[in-house]
Amino acid sequence: RILGMGKPRIEPPTFQSVADMLYHLSHSHPNLYNISLIYILNFLRTSELTLPCDFKETELLRKEADFYQIEPLIQCLGDPKPHLPYPTDSYEEVVELSSTRKLSKYSNPVAVIITQLTITTKIHAMLESISCSFTKWNKHMMDTRDYQVSFTFGPCDHQQEVSLRVHLLDFISKSGFTIRNTRVHHMSERANENTVEHHWTFCRRARKVDE
């Protein structure tokens, strides 16, 4: 229904109604908007925000998201704007961070959270630095052949889980990386268990070294 792409992945009626309204407005009143609503429609369909490198209307897109109260999009737009294309004498280094949080209640009155974080990058020094800096976490996998290191933490409460995740995000950012893309996915595996997946893509500019 949205741009002929089939049924949206985001199921709540409020998101569906917003998507229908945006689709109608973008076709019936195309001259009333300064930005293409395709980015909002794609976000509602895929739960992922991807903007062109030369996109300069993030603030206007944020206002649209706030007007329609699309909370996940508002959160994504809190990320820095993408960089302009890099010069030919430099290239882009990438760090991928995935977080899988399982929240279980079972017989406990307080929810129990267990989190797994996986960092993937071809920058070996970055993997080593993260592995050495987060020694309190249970490092259950490190395989430099796969350019990956994973940690598990828990059981813990929500505040501890968020604090540790923010600490890792801050650690990567202080290494010169900025967030290029972020997405979140909710899954209910059982009646008393809920899983939330977050994914971040970090990028930074690096200069090519002549051989």
Protein backbone atom coordinates (compact mmCIF):
# COMPACT_ATOMS: atom_id res chain seq x y z
CA ARG A 1 0.00 0.00 0.00
CA ILE A 2 2.89 2.33 0.72
CA LEU A 3 4.70 2.97 -2.55
CA GLY A 4 3.70 -0.50 -3.67
CA MET A 5 6.01 -2.12 -1.12
CA GLY A 6 3.40 -4.28 0.56
CA LYS A 7 2.40 -4.45 4.20
CA PRO A 8 4.46 -2.31 6.61
CA ARG A 9 6.53 -4.14 9.20
CA ILE A 10 5.49 -1.77 11.98
CA GLU A 11 2.12 -3.04 13.04
CA PRO A 12 0.53 -0.59 15.54
CA PRO A 13 -2.52 1.23 14.12
CA THR A 14 -1.10 4.64 14.96
CA PHE A 15 1.91 4.03 12.70
CA GLN A 16 -0.30 2.64 9.95
CA SER A 17 -2.62 5.65 10.09
CA VAL A 18 0.33 8.04 9.97
CA ALA A 19 1.79 6.18 7.00
CA ASP A 20 -1.54 6.32 5.15
CA MET A 21 -1.90 10.03 5.87
CA LEU A 22 1.64 10.86 4.76
CA TYR A 23 1.21 8.86 1.59
CA HIS A 24 -2.03 10.71 0.78
CA LEU A 25 -0.57 14.15 1.54
CA SER A 26 2.60 13.57 -0.43
CA HIS A 27 0.54 12.78 -3.53
CA SER A 28 -2.35 15.23 -3.16
CA HIS A 29 -0.32 18.24 -1.96
CA PRO A 30 3.25 17.69 -3.13
CA ASN A 31 4.14 21.40 -3.14
CA LEU A 32 3.32 21.97 0.54
CA TYR A 33 6.38 20.12 1.82
CA ASN A 34 10.05 21.12 1.75
CA ILE A 35 11.30 17.57 2.23
CA SER A 36 10.51 14.28 0.60
CA LEU A 37 8.26 12.19 2.81
CA ILE A 38 9.83 9.07 1.34
CA TYR A 39 12.25 8.96 4.30
CA ILE A 40 9.40 8.90 6.82
CA LEU A 41 7.47 6.33 4.82
CA ASN A 42 10.52 4.09 4.48
CA PHE A 43 11.17 4.35 8.21
CA LEU A 44 7.59 3.32 9.01
CA ARG A 45 7.94 0.39 6.64
CA THR A 46 11.38 -0.88 7.70
CA SER A 47 12.05 0.61 11.19
CA GLU A 48 15.37 1.83 9.76
CA LEU A 49 16.46 5.39 8.99
CA THR A 50 18.90 5.79 6.10
CA LEU A 51 19.64 9.28 4.75
CA PRO A 52 21.79 10.39 1.79
CA CYS A 53 25.28 11.64 2.62
CA ASP A 54 24.36 15.13 1.39
CA PHE A 55 21.06 15.32 3.30
CA LYS A 56 20.77 18.81 4.85
CA GLU A 57 17.20 18.88 6.15
CA THR A 58 17.51 16.81 9.31
CA GLU A 59 15.99 19.53 11.48
CA LEU A 60 12.95 19.80 9.22
CA LEU A 61 12.60 16.02 9.22
CA ARG A 62 12.79 16.08 13.02
CA LYS A 63 9.95 18.63 13.14
CA GLU A 64 7.81 16.41 10.91
CA ALA A 65 8.52 13.41 13.16
CA ASP A 66 7.60 15.47 16.21
CA PHE A 67 4.42 16.77 14.58
CA TYR A 68 3.22 13.24 13.79
CA GLN A 69 4.61 11.95 17.13
CA ILE A 70 6.63 9.13 15.57
CA GLU A 71 8.70 8.43 18.68
CA PRO A 72 11.16 5.86 17.21
CA LEU A 73 11.97 8.27 14.36
CA ILE A 74 12.44 11.13 16.83
CA GLN A 75 14.99 8.97 18.69
CA CYS A 76 16.84 8.11 15.49
CA LEU A 77 17.02 11.77 14.49
CA GLY A 78 18.92 12.47 17.66
CA ASP A 79 21.95 10.99 15.85
CA PRO A 80 24.47 13.30 14.16
CA LYS A 81 23.94 14.14 10.51
CA PRO A 82 25.81 12.01 7.97
CA HIS A 83 29.12 13.35 6.72
CA LEU A 84 29.61 14.60 3.20
CA PRO A 85 31.38 12.21 0.81
CA TYR A 86 35.03 11.69 1.72
CA PRO A 87 37.88 13.02 -0.45
CA THR A 88 39.64 10.54 -2.71
CA ASP A 89 42.72 10.45 -0.46
CA SER A 90 40.71 9.08 2.45
CA TYR A 91 38.29 6.27 3.19
CA GLU A 92 35.62 5.31 5.70
CA GLU A 93 36.22 3.05 8.70
CA VAL A 94 33.15 1.30 10.08
CA VAL A 95 32.22 -0.16 13.46
CA GLU A 96 28.98 -2.13 13.85
CA LEU A 97 27.44 -2.48 17.31
CA SER A 98 24.55 -4.85 17.98
CA SER A 99 22.73 -5.17 21.30
CA THR A 100 20.30 -7.98 22.12
CA ARG A 101 18.43 -7.47 25.38
CA LYS A 102 16.28 -10.25 26.82
CA LEU A 103 13.85 -9.29 29.55
CA SER A 104 12.31 -12.18 31.51
CA LYS A 105 9.85 -12.11 34.40
CA TYR A 106 8.89 -15.71 35.02
CA SER A 107 8.31 -16.06 38.78
CA ASN A 108 10.32 -12.96 39.72
CA PRO A 109 8.36 -9.81 40.59
CA VAL A 110 11.19 -7.74 39.09
CA ALA A 111 12.15 -8.21 35.45
CA VAL A 112 15.57 -9.78 34.83
CA ILE A 113 17.64 -8.42 31.96
CA ILE A 114 20.46 -10.22 30.17
CA THR A 115 22.23 -8.31 27.39
CA GLN A 116 24.57 -9.46 24.66
CA LEU A 117 26.62 -6.86 22.78
CA THR A 118 28.56 -7.65 19.62
CA ILE A 119 31.10 -5.32 18.03
CA THR A 120 32.13 -5.97 14.44
CA THR A 121 34.92 -4.04 12.70
CA LYS A 122 38.01 -4.66 10.59
CA ILE A 123 39.98 -2.33 12.87
CA HIS A 124 41.88 -4.85 14.99
CA ALA A 125 43.15 -2.19 17.41
CA MET A 126 39.56 -1.16 18.12
CA LEU A 127 38.56 -4.71 19.03
CA GLU A 128 41.57 -5.06 21.31
CA SER A 129 40.86 -1.71 22.98
CA ILE A 130 37.22 -2.58 23.67
CA SER A 131 38.16 -6.05 24.90
CA CYS A 132 40.70 -4.62 27.36
CA SER A 133 38.52 -1.73 28.53
CA PHE A 134 35.38 -3.70 29.36
CA THR A 135 36.94 -6.38 31.55
CA LYS A 136 33.99 -6.51 33.97
CA TRP A 137 31.80 -7.97 31.26
CA ASN A 138 31.76 -11.65 30.46
CA LYS A 139 33.66 -11.85 27.20
CA HIS A 140 32.37 -15.06 25.67
CA MET A 141 33.75 -14.69 22.16
CA MET A 142 36.61 -12.94 20.44
CA ASP A 143 37.59 -14.01 16.96
CA THR A 144 39.72 -11.54 15.03
CA ARG A 145 39.34 -13.65 11.91
CA ASP A 146 35.68 -12.66 11.92
CA TYR A 147 36.55 -9.13 13.07
CA GLN A 148 34.20 -9.53 16.00
CA VAL A 149 34.07 -9.47 19.79
CA SER A 150 31.00 -10.17 21.94
CA PHE A 151 30.10 -9.66 25.58
CA THR A 152 27.26 -10.72 27.82
CA PHE A 153 26.12 -8.89 30.92
CA GLY A 154 23.49 -9.82 33.45
CA PRO A 155 21.30 -10.52 35.12
CA CYS A 156 20.89 -6.81 35.80
CA ASP A 157 18.21 -4.15 36.08
CA HIS A 158 17.19 -1.70 33.36
CA GLN A 159 19.29 1.17 34.71
CA GLN A 160 22.48 -0.92 34.78
CA GLU A 161 21.84 -2.25 31.29
CA VAL A 162 21.29 1.21 29.80
CA SER A 163 24.30 2.64 31.64
CA LEU A 164 26.64 -0.03 30.26
CA ARG A 165 25.29 0.31 26.73
CA VAL A 166 25.69 4.10 26.85
CA HIS A 167 29.24 3.61 28.16
CA LEU A 168 30.13 1.50 25.14
CA LEU A 169 28.49 3.95 22.71
CA ASP A 170 30.47 6.76 24.31
CA PHE A 171 33.70 4.74 24.13
CA ILE A 172 33.29 4.25 20.37
CA SER A 173 32.32 7.91 19.82
CA LYS A 174 35.40 9.13 21.68
CA SER A 175 37.52 7.11 19.26
CA GLY A 176 36.44 9.52 16.52
CA PHE A 177 33.38 7.69 15.21
CA THR A 178 29.94 9.19 14.59
CA ILE A 179 26.65 7.32 14.25
CA ARG A 180 25.59 6.91 10.63
CA ASN A 181 22.60 4.62 11.09
CA THR A 182 20.54 3.13 13.91
CA ARG A 183 17.58 0.78 14.11
CA VAL A 184 15.59 -1.11 16.74
CA HIS A 185 13.52 -4.30 16.57
CA HIS A 186 11.13 -5.71 19.20
CA MET A 187 10.29 -9.40 19.48
CA SER A 188 8.09 -11.31 21.92
CA GLU A 189 9.40 -14.86 22.03
CA ARG A 190 7.20 -16.02 24.91
CA ALA A 191 4.40 -14.59 27.01
CA ASN A 192 6.82 -13.83 29.83
CA GLU A 193 9.89 -12.95 27.78
CA ASN A 194 10.60 -10.00 25.52
CA THR A 195 13.63 -9.38 23.28
CA VAL A 196 14.78 -6.01 21.96
CA GLU A 197 17.50 -5.68 19.34
CA HIS A 198 19.39 -2.43 18.73
CA HIS A 199 21.90 -1.88 15.96
CA TRP A 200 24.25 1.06 15.38
CA THR A 201 26.61 1.80 12.50
CA PHE A 202 29.55 4.08 13.33
CA CYS A 203 31.82 5.68 10.73
CA ARG A 204 34.95 7.81 10.76
CA ARG A 205 37.26 9.23 8.15
CA ALA A 206 40.73 7.73 7.74
CA ARG A 207 43.50 8.84 5.43
CA LYS A 208 44.92 6.40 2.90
CA VAL A 209 48.55 5.44 3.41
CA ASP A 210 50.70 5.12 0.31
CA GLU A 211 52.41 1.77 0.05
